[in-house]
Amino acid sequence: MVSQVVISILLSLSILLQQRGAGLGAVFGGEGGFHTSKRGAEKVLSNAAVVLAVLFIANSLAFLFI
């Protein structure tokens, strides 16, 4: 159970620390007007959020079957 809490806190932090302009509004032309790739800390936070989300789901499923 401790691992689930730690993963959920880290996932929340990695999502909240990401830039606001990277949402769906930018996809539909709401901001910026040009495509930029993620670099540096932005890319690390984005990748960390994906990895933590996968770990959270896997951990949840593991608790379901145990």
C-alpha atoms as a PDB file:
ATOM      1  CA  MET A   1       0.000   0.000   0.000  1.00  0.00           C
ATOM      2  CA  VAL A   2       2.895   2.352   0.703  1.00  0.00           C
ATOM      3  CA  SER A   3       4.134   1.995  -2.863  1.00  0.00           C
ATOM      4  CA  GLN A   4       0.708   3.014  -4.213  1.00  0.00           C
ATOM      5  CA  VAL A   5       0.698   6.176  -2.102  1.00  0.00           C
ATOM      6  CA  VAL A   6       4.258   7.104  -3.087  1.00  0.00           C
ATOM      7  CA  ILE A   7       3.587   6.530  -6.796  1.00  0.00           C
ATOM      8  CA  SER A   8       0.371   8.569  -6.668  1.00  0.00           C
ATOM      9  CA  ILE A   9       2.106  11.505  -4.949  1.00  0.00           C
ATOM     10  CA  LEU A  10       4.986  11.455  -7.444  1.00  0.00           C
ATOM     11  CA  LEU A  11       2.543  11.211 -10.365  1.00  0.00           C
ATOM     12  CA  SER A  12       0.566  14.182  -9.082  1.00  0.00           C
ATOM     13  CA  LEU A  13       3.725  16.257  -8.659  1.00  0.00           C
ATOM     14  CA  SER A  14       5.055  15.384 -12.109  1.00  0.00           C
ATOM     15  CA  ILE A  15       1.749  16.425 -13.695  1.00  0.00           C
ATOM     16  CA  LEU A  16       1.403  19.636 -11.700  1.00  0.00           C
ATOM     17  CA  LEU A  17       4.960  20.776 -12.471  1.00  0.00           C
ATOM     18  CA  GLN A  18       4.463  20.620 -16.241  1.00  0.00           C
ATOM     19  CA  GLN A  19       3.885  23.786 -18.252  1.00  0.00           C
ATOM     20  CA  ARG A  20       0.325  24.980 -18.753  1.00  0.00           C
ATOM     21  CA  GLY A  21       0.660  25.700 -22.489  1.00  0.00           C
ATOM     22  CA  ALA A  22       1.277  22.057 -23.345  1.00  0.00           C
ATOM     23  CA  GLY A  23      -2.396  21.013 -23.172  1.00  0.00           C
ATOM     24  CA  LEU A  24      -5.062  20.407 -25.776  1.00  0.00           C
ATOM     25  CA  GLY A  25      -5.466  24.133 -26.418  1.00  0.00           C
ATOM     26  CA  ALA A  26      -2.068  24.218 -28.079  1.00  0.00           C
ATOM     27  CA  VAL A  27      -3.006  21.286 -30.313  1.00  0.00           C
ATOM     28  CA  PHE A  28      -5.978  23.164 -31.763  1.00  0.00           C
ATOM     29  CA  GLY A  29      -4.094  26.426 -32.277  1.00  0.00           C
ATOM     30  CA  GLY A  30      -5.010  28.064 -28.986  1.00  0.00           C
ATOM     31  CA  GLU A  31      -1.479  29.113 -28.089  1.00  0.00           C
ATOM     32  CA  GLY A  32       1.857  29.581 -29.790  1.00  0.00           C
ATOM     33  CA  GLY A  33       0.953  29.024 -33.403  1.00  0.00           C
ATOM     34  CA  PHE A  34       3.969  26.788 -34.062  1.00  0.00           C
ATOM     35  CA  HIS A  35       5.148  23.360 -33.001  1.00  0.00           C
ATOM     36  CA  THR A  36       7.949  23.134 -30.458  1.00  0.00           C
ATOM     37  CA  SER A  37       9.472  19.972 -29.097  1.00  0.00           C
ATOM     38  CA  LYS A  38       9.923  19.357 -25.406  1.00  0.00           C
ATOM     39  CA  ARG A  39      13.448  19.844 -24.126  1.00  0.00           C
ATOM     40  CA  GLY A  40      15.301  19.507 -20.866  1.00  0.00           C
ATOM     41  CA  ALA A  41      13.228  19.386 -17.694  1.00  0.00           C
ATOM     42  CA  GLU A  42       9.978  19.497 -19.679  1.00  0.00           C
ATOM     43  CA  LYS A  43      10.857  16.267 -21.444  1.00  0.00           C
ATOM     44  CA  VAL A  44      11.956  14.588 -18.200  1.00  0.00           C
ATOM     45  CA  LEU A  45       8.703  15.547 -16.450  1.00  0.00           C
ATOM     46  CA  SER A  46       6.628  14.348 -19.373  1.00  0.00           C
ATOM     47  CA  ASN A  47       8.417  11.000 -19.532  1.00  0.00           C
ATOM     48  CA  ALA A  48       8.259  10.636 -15.738  1.00  0.00           C
ATOM     49  CA  ALA A  49       4.487  11.226 -15.802  1.00  0.00           C
ATOM     50  CA  VAL A  50       4.017   8.477 -18.387  1.00  0.00           C
ATOM     51  CA  VAL A  51       6.226   6.009 -16.513  1.00  0.00           C
ATOM     52  CA  LEU A  52       4.552   6.780 -13.182  1.00  0.00           C
ATOM     53  CA  ALA A  53       1.091   6.400 -14.720  1.00  0.00           C
ATOM     54  CA  VAL A  54       2.013   2.969 -16.075  1.00  0.00           C
ATOM     55  CA  LEU A  55       3.462   1.974 -12.687  1.00  0.00           C
ATOM     56  CA  PHE A  56       0.333   3.233 -10.927  1.00  0.00           C
ATOM     57  CA  ILE A  57      -1.946   1.155 -13.172  1.00  0.00           C
ATOM     58  CA  ALA A  58       0.272  -1.929 -12.890  1.00  0.00           C
ATOM     59  CA  ASN A  59       0.418  -1.563  -9.113  1.00  0.00           C
ATOM     60  CA  SER A  60      -3.373  -1.165  -8.940  1.00  0.00           C
ATOM     61  CA  LEU A  61      -3.886  -4.299 -11.008  1.00  0.00           C
ATOM     62  CA  ALA A  62      -1.397  -6.199  -8.854  1.00  0.00           C
ATOM     63  CA  PHE A  63      -3.346  -5.256  -5.722  1.00  0.00           C
ATOM     64  CA  LEU A  64      -6.550  -6.340  -7.441  1.00  0.00           C
ATOM     65  CA  PHE A  65      -5.284  -9.861  -8.104  1.00  0.00           C
ATOM     66  CA  ILE A  66      -3.433 -10.348  -4.807  1.00  0.00           C
END
